Amino acid sequence: MERAITVAATAGLHARPAAEFVRLASAHPGAVEVRAEGRPPVDGASILGLMTLDVDRGETIVVAVDGPEAEALLDRLEAILDPG
């Protein structure tokens, strides 16, 4: 299952939001992949991978999740990126 998410967090996908994203993705028993336009996909459980994407506020990424409770995890990850 995958979802396009526009990053609304003030810092983009950096520092604190990235650390929280990785914490949730690492605890998930399935794979979590993050794609940003023009950049290779990265493992959502890798802080280094997320940081290399250099995603700023207002950019849209695609998060793909496999495994049980994929939709619930996508909801939680989206809440980190769009705390609105």
N, C-alpha and C. Protein backbone atom coordinates (compact mmCIF):
# COMPACT_ATOMS: atom_id res chain seq x y z
N MET A 1 0.85 -1.16 0.00
CA MET A 1 0.00 0.00 0.00
C MET A 1 0.91 1.23 0.00
N GLU A 2 0.53 2.23 -0.77
CA GLU A 2 1.34 3.45 -0.78
C GLU A 2 0.46 4.68 -0.77
N ARG A 3 1.10 5.79 -0.36
CA ARG A 3 0.37 7.05 -0.24
C ARG A 3 1.30 8.20 -0.57
N ALA A 4 0.80 9.16 -1.35
CA ALA A 4 1.53 10.40 -1.60
C ALA A 4 1.22 11.35 -0.44
N ILE A 5 2.27 11.92 0.14
CA ILE A 5 2.13 12.79 1.30
C ILE A 5 2.90 14.08 1.04
N THR A 6 2.23 15.21 1.18
CA THR A 6 2.90 16.49 1.08
C THR A 6 3.42 16.86 2.47
N VAL A 7 4.72 17.11 2.55
CA VAL A 7 5.37 17.39 3.83
C VAL A 7 5.03 18.82 4.25
N ALA A 8 4.32 18.94 5.35
CA ALA A 8 3.92 20.26 5.85
C ALA A 8 4.69 20.66 7.10
N ALA A 9 5.45 19.72 7.67
CA ALA A 9 6.24 20.04 8.87
C ALA A 9 7.20 21.17 8.54
N THR A 10 7.31 22.12 9.44
CA THR A 10 8.13 23.31 9.22
C THR A 10 9.55 22.98 8.78
N ALA A 11 10.15 21.97 9.40
CA ALA A 11 11.54 21.61 9.09
C ALA A 11 11.65 20.66 7.91
N GLY A 12 10.53 20.33 7.27
CA GLY A 12 10.57 19.34 6.20
C GLY A 12 10.83 17.96 6.81
N LEU A 13 11.45 17.09 6.05
CA LEU A 13 11.75 15.74 6.55
C LEU A 13 13.18 15.74 7.07
N HIS A 14 13.41 16.50 8.11
CA HIS A 14 14.73 16.65 8.71
C HIS A 14 14.63 16.49 10.21
N ALA A 15 15.74 16.22 10.85
CA ALA A 15 15.91 16.17 12.30
C ALA A 15 14.78 15.44 13.03
N ARG A 16 14.01 16.17 13.80
CA ARG A 16 13.00 15.55 14.66
C ARG A 16 11.93 14.76 13.88
N PRO A 17 11.33 15.32 12.82
CA PRO A 17 10.34 14.52 12.09
C PRO A 17 10.94 13.25 11.50
N ALA A 18 12.16 13.33 10.99
CA ALA A 18 12.81 12.15 10.41
C ALA A 18 13.07 11.10 11.48
N ALA A 19 13.52 11.51 12.65
CA ALA A 19 13.79 10.57 13.74
C ALA A 19 12.51 9.86 14.18
N GLU A 20 11.42 10.59 14.28
CA GLU A 20 10.14 9.98 14.66
C GLU A 20 9.64 9.03 13.56
N PHE A 21 9.80 9.44 12.31
CA PHE A 21 9.42 8.60 11.17
C PHE A 21 10.18 7.28 11.24
N VAL A 22 11.50 7.35 11.43
CA VAL A 22 12.35 6.16 11.49
C VAL A 22 11.96 5.27 12.68
N ARG A 23 11.65 5.88 13.81
CA ARG A 23 11.24 5.10 14.99
C ARG A 23 10.02 4.25 14.67
N LEU A 24 9.02 4.84 14.03
CA LEU A 24 7.81 4.09 13.68
C LEU A 24 8.08 3.05 12.59
N ALA A 25 8.83 3.45 11.57
CA ALA A 25 9.12 2.54 10.47
C ALA A 25 9.96 1.35 10.94
N SER A 26 10.89 1.58 11.85
CA SER A 26 11.75 0.51 12.37
C SER A 26 10.96 -0.51 13.18
N ALA A 27 9.92 -0.07 13.85
CA ALA A 27 9.12 -0.96 14.68
C ALA A 27 8.14 -1.79 13.85
N HIS A 28 7.93 -1.42 12.60
CA HIS A 28 6.98 -2.11 11.72
C HIS A 28 7.62 -3.40 11.19
N PRO A 29 6.88 -4.51 11.21
CA PRO A 29 7.46 -5.78 10.75
C PRO A 29 7.64 -5.88 9.23
N GLY A 30 7.02 -5.00 8.47
CA GLY A 30 7.16 -5.02 7.02
C GLY A 30 8.09 -3.93 6.53
N ALA A 31 8.24 -3.87 5.22
CA ALA A 31 9.12 -2.87 4.59
C ALA A 31 8.43 -1.52 4.50
N VAL A 32 9.22 -0.46 4.64
CA VAL A 32 8.75 0.92 4.45
C VAL A 32 9.74 1.59 3.50
N GLU A 33 9.23 2.05 2.36
CA GLU A 33 10.08 2.70 1.36
C GLU A 33 9.58 4.12 1.12
N VAL A 34 10.52 5.03 0.94
CA VAL A 34 10.18 6.43 0.71
C VAL A 34 10.80 6.87 -0.62
N ARG A 35 9.97 7.51 -1.45
CA ARG A 35 10.44 8.02 -2.73
C ARG A 35 10.14 9.51 -2.83
N ALA A 36 11.10 10.23 -3.38
CA ALA A 36 10.92 11.65 -3.66
C ALA A 36 11.31 11.86 -5.12
N GLU A 37 10.63 12.76 -5.78
CA GLU A 37 10.85 12.98 -7.21
C GLU A 37 12.32 13.25 -7.53
N GLY A 38 12.82 12.48 -8.51
CA GLY A 38 14.18 12.69 -8.99
C GLY A 38 15.27 12.10 -8.11
N ARG A 39 14.88 11.34 -7.09
CA ARG A 39 15.86 10.75 -6.17
C ARG A 39 15.59 9.26 -6.01
N PRO A 40 16.63 8.46 -5.80
CA PRO A 40 16.39 7.03 -5.62
C PRO A 40 15.60 6.75 -4.34
N PRO A 41 14.81 5.68 -4.33
CA PRO A 41 14.04 5.33 -3.13
C PRO A 41 14.97 4.95 -1.98
N VAL A 42 14.50 5.18 -0.75
CA VAL A 42 15.28 4.84 0.43
C VAL A 42 14.43 4.02 1.41
N ASP A 43 15.11 3.33 2.30
CA ASP A 43 14.48 2.57 3.37
C ASP A 43 13.96 3.56 4.41
N GLY A 44 12.68 3.51 4.70
CA GLY A 44 12.08 4.42 5.67
C GLY A 44 12.55 4.20 7.09
N ALA A 45 13.24 3.09 7.34
CA ALA A 45 13.77 2.82 8.67
C ALA A 45 15.22 3.29 8.81
N SER A 46 15.71 4.02 7.82
CA SER A 46 17.09 4.50 7.83
C SER A 46 17.12 6.02 7.94
N ILE A 47 17.62 6.53 9.05
CA ILE A 47 17.71 7.98 9.22
C ILE A 47 18.62 8.58 8.16
N LEU A 48 19.71 7.90 7.85
CA LEU A 48 20.63 8.39 6.84
C LEU A 48 19.95 8.44 5.47
N GLY A 49 19.18 7.40 5.17
CA GLY A 49 18.45 7.38 3.91
C GLY A 49 17.49 8.54 3.79
N LEU A 50 16.71 8.77 4.83
CA LEU A 50 15.75 9.88 4.80
C LEU A 50 16.45 11.23 4.66
N MET A 51 17.56 11.39 5.36
CA MET A 51 18.28 12.67 5.29
C MET A 51 18.85 12.91 3.89
N THR A 52 19.25 11.84 3.20
CA THR A 52 19.81 12.02 1.84
C THR A 52 18.74 12.48 0.85
N LEU A 53 17.47 12.24 1.17
CA LEU A 53 16.41 12.72 0.27
C LEU A 53 16.31 14.24 0.28
N ASP A 54 16.71 14.87 1.38
CA ASP A 54 16.70 16.32 1.50
C ASP A 54 15.34 16.91 1.11
N VAL A 55 14.29 16.42 1.77
CA VAL A 55 12.92 16.83 1.48
C VAL A 55 12.57 18.06 2.31
N ASP A 56 12.16 19.11 1.63
CA ASP A 56 11.77 20.36 2.26
C ASP A 56 10.25 20.45 2.42
N ARG A 57 9.83 21.39 3.23
CA ARG A 57 8.41 21.66 3.41
C ARG A 57 7.77 21.97 2.05
N GLY A 58 6.61 21.38 1.82
CA GLY A 58 5.88 21.61 0.58
C GLY A 58 6.14 20.56 -0.49
N GLU A 59 7.17 19.74 -0.32
CA GLU A 59 7.45 18.67 -1.29
C GLU A 59 6.54 17.49 -1.01
N THR A 60 6.25 16.74 -2.07
CA THR A 60 5.44 15.53 -1.94
C THR A 60 6.33 14.31 -2.08
N ILE A 61 6.17 13.37 -1.15
CA ILE A 61 6.89 12.11 -1.21
C ILE A 61 5.87 10.99 -1.33
N VAL A 62 6.32 9.81 -1.72
CA VAL A 62 5.47 8.63 -1.76
C VAL A 62 6.03 7.65 -0.74
N VAL A 63 5.18 7.22 0.17
CA VAL A 63 5.57 6.26 1.19
C VAL A 63 4.84 4.95 0.89
N ALA A 64 5.62 3.88 0.72
CA ALA A 64 5.06 2.55 0.46
C ALA A 64 5.32 1.66 1.66
N VAL A 65 4.27 0.98 2.13
CA VAL A 65 4.37 0.13 3.31
C VAL A 65 3.83 -1.24 2.98
N ASP A 66 4.59 -2.28 3.33
CA ASP A 66 4.13 -3.66 3.19
C ASP A 66 3.91 -4.22 4.58
N GLY A 67 3.10 -5.24 4.64
CA GLY A 67 2.92 -5.93 5.91
C GLY A 67 1.62 -5.58 6.61
N PRO A 68 1.45 -6.14 7.81
CA PRO A 68 0.21 -5.93 8.55
C PRO A 68 0.07 -4.49 9.02
N GLU A 69 -1.16 -4.06 9.13
CA GLU A 69 -1.47 -2.71 9.63
C GLU A 69 -0.82 -1.60 8.81
N ALA A 70 -0.65 -1.85 7.50
CA ALA A 70 0.01 -0.88 6.62
C ALA A 70 -0.74 0.46 6.61
N GLU A 71 -2.05 0.42 6.52
CA GLU A 71 -2.81 1.66 6.46
C GLU A 71 -2.69 2.47 7.75
N ALA A 72 -2.72 1.79 8.89
CA ALA A 72 -2.58 2.47 10.18
C ALA A 72 -1.20 3.11 10.30
N LEU A 73 -0.17 2.41 9.83
CA LEU A 73 1.17 2.98 9.87
C LEU A 73 1.26 4.20 8.95
N LEU A 74 0.68 4.11 7.76
CA LEU A 74 0.68 5.26 6.85
C LEU A 74 0.00 6.46 7.50
N ASP A 75 -1.08 6.22 8.21
CA ASP A 75 -1.77 7.32 8.91
C ASP A 75 -0.85 7.97 9.93
N ARG A 76 -0.13 7.17 10.69
CA ARG A 76 0.77 7.70 11.73
C ARG A 76 1.96 8.44 11.11
N LEU A 77 2.51 7.88 10.02
CA LEU A 77 3.63 8.55 9.35
C LEU A 77 3.19 9.88 8.74
N GLU A 78 2.00 9.89 8.16
CA GLU A 78 1.47 11.11 7.57
C GLU A 78 1.27 12.18 8.65
N ALA A 79 0.84 11.78 9.83
CA ALA A 79 0.63 12.74 10.93
C ALA A 79 1.95 13.39 11.35
N ILE A 80 3.05 12.68 11.21
CA ILE A 80 4.37 13.26 11.52
C ILE A 80 4.74 14.31 10.48
N LEU A 81 4.46 14.00 9.22
CA LEU A 81 4.87 14.88 8.12
C LEU A 81 3.92 16.04 7.89
N ASP A 82 2.69 15.85 8.31
CA ASP A 82 1.66 16.89 8.16
C ASP A 82 0.91 17.04 9.48
N PRO A 83 1.58 17.68 10.47
CA PRO A 83 0.99 17.73 11.81
C PRO A 83 -0.26 18.61 11.93
N GLY A 84 -0.58 19.34 10.85
CA GLY A 84 -1.72 20.23 10.76
C GLY A 84 -2.71 20.07 11.80
